[in-house]
C-alpha atoms as a PDB file:
ATOM      1  CA  MET A   1      89.730  71.916 135.653  1.00  0.00           C
ATOM      2  CA  ILE A   2      87.100  72.638 132.960  1.00  0.00           C
ATOM      3  CA  ASP A   3      85.434  69.448 133.971  1.00  0.00           C
ATOM      4  CA  THR A   4      84.648  70.532 137.448  1.00  0.00           C
ATOM      5  CA  LEU A   5      82.871  73.826 136.384  1.00  0.00           C
ATOM      6  CA  ASN A   6      78.998  74.126 136.711  1.00  0.00           C
ATOM      7  CA  ALA A   7      76.783  75.959 134.577  1.00  0.00           C
ATOM      8  CA  GLY A   8      76.353  79.577 136.034  1.00  0.00           C
ATOM      9  CA  GLN A   9      79.504  79.782 137.958  1.00  0.00           C
ATOM     10  CA  THR A  10      81.422  82.773 137.394  1.00  0.00           C
ATOM     11  CA  VAL A  11      85.017  81.960 136.139  1.00  0.00           C
ATOM     12  CA  THR A  12      88.091  84.325 135.595  1.00  0.00           C
ATOM     13  CA  CYS A  13      90.320  83.668 132.765  1.00  0.00           C
ATOM     14  CA  THR A  14      94.123  85.069 132.136  1.00  0.00           C
ATOM     15  CA  VAL A  15      96.125  84.892 129.193  1.00  0.00           C
ATOM     16  CA  GLU A  16      99.367  83.368 130.238  1.00  0.00           C
ATOM     17  CA  ARG A  17     100.897  83.130 126.911  1.00  0.00           C
ATOM     18  CA  VAL A  18      99.576  84.493 123.528  1.00  0.00           C
ATOM     19  CA  PRO A  19      99.399  81.517 120.949  1.00  0.00           C
ATOM     20  CA  ASN A  20     101.000  81.676 117.790  1.00  0.00           C
ATOM     21  CA  ASN A  21      98.207  80.475 115.668  1.00  0.00           C
ATOM     22  CA  LYS A  22      95.532  82.600 114.419  1.00  0.00           C
ATOM     23  CA  GLY A  23      92.855  80.322 115.692  1.00  0.00           C
ATOM     24  CA  ALA A  24      93.668  80.216 119.080  1.00  0.00           C
ATOM     25  CA  ARG A  25      93.940  84.036 119.292  1.00  0.00           C
ATOM     26  CA  ASP A  26      90.218  84.080 117.652  1.00  0.00           C
ATOM     27  CA  THR A  27      89.089  81.854 120.037  1.00  0.00           C
ATOM     28  CA  ILE A  28      90.561  83.503 123.108  1.00  0.00           C
ATOM     29  CA  VAL A  29      89.177  87.120 121.783  1.00  0.00           C
ATOM     30  CA  ARG A  30      85.574  85.292 121.225  1.00  0.00           C
ATOM     31  CA  LEU A  31      85.719  83.919 124.754  1.00  0.00           C
ATOM     32  CA  MET A  32      86.699  87.654 126.260  1.00  0.00           C
ATOM     33  CA  ARG A  33      83.560  89.139 124.379  1.00  0.00           C
ATOM     34  CA  ARG A  34      81.434  87.317 126.730  1.00  0.00           C
ATOM     35  CA  ASP A  35      82.926  89.427 129.593  1.00  0.00           C
ATOM     36  CA  PRO A  36      79.838  91.938 130.595  1.00  0.00           C
ATOM     37  CA  ASP A  37      82.202  94.942 130.677  1.00  0.00           C
ATOM     38  CA  ILE A  38      83.747  94.221 127.196  1.00  0.00           C
ATOM     39  CA  LYS A  39      79.964  93.477 125.871  1.00  0.00           C
ATOM     40  CA  ARG A  40      78.800  96.812 127.194  1.00  0.00           C
ATOM     41  CA  GLY A  41      81.622  98.639 125.816  1.00  0.00           C
ATOM     42  CA  LEU A  42      81.171  96.904 122.483  1.00  0.00           C
ATOM     43  CA  ALA A  43      77.672  98.057 122.579  1.00  0.00           C
ATOM     44  CA  ARG A  44      78.365 101.540 123.144  1.00  0.00           C
ATOM     45  CA  ALA A  45      81.014 101.515 120.583  1.00  0.00           C
ATOM     46  CA  GLN A  46      78.701 100.229 117.989  1.00  0.00           C
ATOM     47  CA  MET A  47      75.917 102.659 119.033  1.00  0.00           C
ATOM     48  CA  LEU A  48      78.546 105.720 118.606  1.00  0.00           C
ATOM     49  CA  ARG A  49      79.828 104.359 115.372  1.00  0.00           C
ATOM     50  CA  ARG A  50      75.909 104.503 114.181  1.00  0.00           C
ATOM     51  CA  ARG A  51      75.529 108.072 115.344  1.00  0.00           C
ATOM     52  CA  ARG A  52      78.622 109.090 113.510  1.00  0.00           C
ATOM     53  CA  MET A  53      77.857 107.332 110.192  1.00  0.00           C
ATOM     54  CA  ASN A  54      78.265 109.518 107.320  1.00  0.00           C
ATOM     55  CA  SER A  55      75.799 109.020 104.531  1.00  0.00           C
ATOM     56  CA  TYR A  56      75.901 110.861 101.291  1.00  0.00           C
ATOM     57  CA  ILE A  57      74.189 110.402  97.774  1.00  0.00           C
ATOM     58  CA  ARG A  58      76.130 109.376  95.017  1.00  0.00           C
ATOM     59  CA  GLY A  59      74.444 108.489  91.390  1.00  0.00           C
ATOM     60  CA  ASN A  60      70.915 108.706  92.994  1.00  0.00           C
ATOM     61  CA  ARG A  61      71.943 106.253  95.792  1.00  0.00           C
ATOM     62  CA  MET A  62      72.559 106.330  99.234  1.00  0.00           C
ATOM     63  CA  TRP A  63      75.753 105.349 100.612  1.00  0.00           C
ATOM     64  CA  HIS A  64      77.501 105.022 103.872  1.00  0.00           C
ATOM     65  CA  SER A  65      80.734 105.695 105.112  1.00  0.00           C
ATOM     66  CA  ARG A  66      81.328 103.555 107.941  1.00  0.00           C
ATOM     67  CA  GLU A  67      84.171 103.663 111.038  1.00  0.00           C
ATOM     68  CA  LYS A  68      86.097 100.558 111.539  1.00  0.00           C
ATOM     69  CA  ALA A  69      85.261  98.528 114.685  1.00  0.00           C
ATOM     70  CA  ALA A  70      86.887  99.027 117.871  1.00  0.00           C
ATOM     71  CA  ARG A  71      89.328  96.402 119.040  1.00  0.00           C
ATOM     72  CA  ILE A  72      88.135  96.287 122.936  1.00  0.00           C
ATOM     73  CA  ALA A  73      89.228  92.518 123.291  1.00  0.00           C
ATOM     74  CA  ARG A  74      92.561  92.087 122.809  1.00  0.00           C
ATOM     75  CA  CYS A  75      94.505  88.877 123.109  1.00  0.00           C
ATOM     76  CA  GLU A  76      97.641  89.709 125.313  1.00  0.00           C
ATOM     77  CA  GLN A  77      99.542  88.360 127.757  1.00  0.00           C
ATOM     78  CA  GLY A  78      98.102  89.196 131.440  1.00  0.00           C
ATOM     79  CA  ALA A  79      94.918  90.369 129.746  1.00  0.00           C
ATOM     80  CA  SER A  80      92.142  88.800 132.256  1.00  0.00           C
ATOM     81  CA  TRP A  81      88.579  88.750 132.321  1.00  0.00           C
ATOM     82  CA  THR A  82      85.573  87.568 133.964  1.00  0.00           C
ATOM     83  CA  MET A  83      82.250  85.477 132.632  1.00  0.00           C
ATOM     84  CA  PRO A  84      79.905  83.230 133.477  1.00  0.00           C
ATOM     85  CA  PHE A  85      80.510  79.700 132.668  1.00  0.00           C
ATOM     86  CA  THR A  86      78.112  77.493 130.483  1.00  0.00           C
ATOM     87  CA  PHE A  87      78.369  74.034 128.913  1.00  0.00           C
ATOM     88  CA  ASP A  88      78.544  75.316 125.274  1.00  0.00           C
ATOM     89  CA  ILE A  89      81.842  77.245 125.623  1.00  0.00           C
ATOM     90  CA  SER A  90      83.412  74.149 127.310  1.00  0.00           C
ATOM     91  CA  PRO A  91      85.072  72.751 123.756  1.00  0.00           C
ATOM     92  CA  ASP A  92      86.447  76.390 123.087  1.00  0.00           C
ATOM     93  CA  LEU A  93      88.040  76.533 126.953  1.00  0.00           C
ATOM     94  CA  ALA A  94      89.390  73.344 126.412  1.00  0.00           C
ATOM     95  CA  SER A  95      91.158  73.993 122.941  1.00  0.00           C
ATOM     96  CA  VAL A  96      92.844  77.087 124.308  1.00  0.00           C
ATOM     97  CA  GLU A  97      93.101  75.956 127.869  1.00  0.00           C
ATOM     98  CA  GLN A  98      97.217  75.302 127.523  1.00  0.00           C
ATOM     99  CA  TYR A  99      97.143  79.435 127.023  1.00  0.00           C
ATOM    100  CA  LEU A 100      94.632  80.466 129.964  1.00  0.00           C
ATOM    101  CA  LYS A 101      94.703  80.063 133.417  1.00  0.00           C
ATOM    102  CA  VAL A 102      91.112  79.671 134.580  1.00  0.00           C
ATOM    103  CA  GLU A 103      89.976  80.096 137.958  1.00  0.00           C
ATOM    104  CA  LYS A 104      86.485  79.848 139.803  1.00  0.00           C
ATOM    105  CA  ALA A 105      85.555  83.316 141.115  1.00  0.00           C
END
């Protein structure tokens, strides 16, 4: 399926089965972050975290207490996302193809 895709095509991916190994889960989450909606949500969360960052002086030096980053993209069964296909992600898609359902949108 991945061999038939062209650069610039919109691809819809759905997680059919959650992988047991951490590397495959991380690859799926990294691919999910290419979705424009998820990308926009992560950028907005980062901007809000920067606004709410608490700065204080300790030992004549500025320190910052930072919030944890939001986990918008999660590798769960049934999770679906849409992204533009490029050839640089084809090895990643091929490595987790057994866990995903890839369709042309």
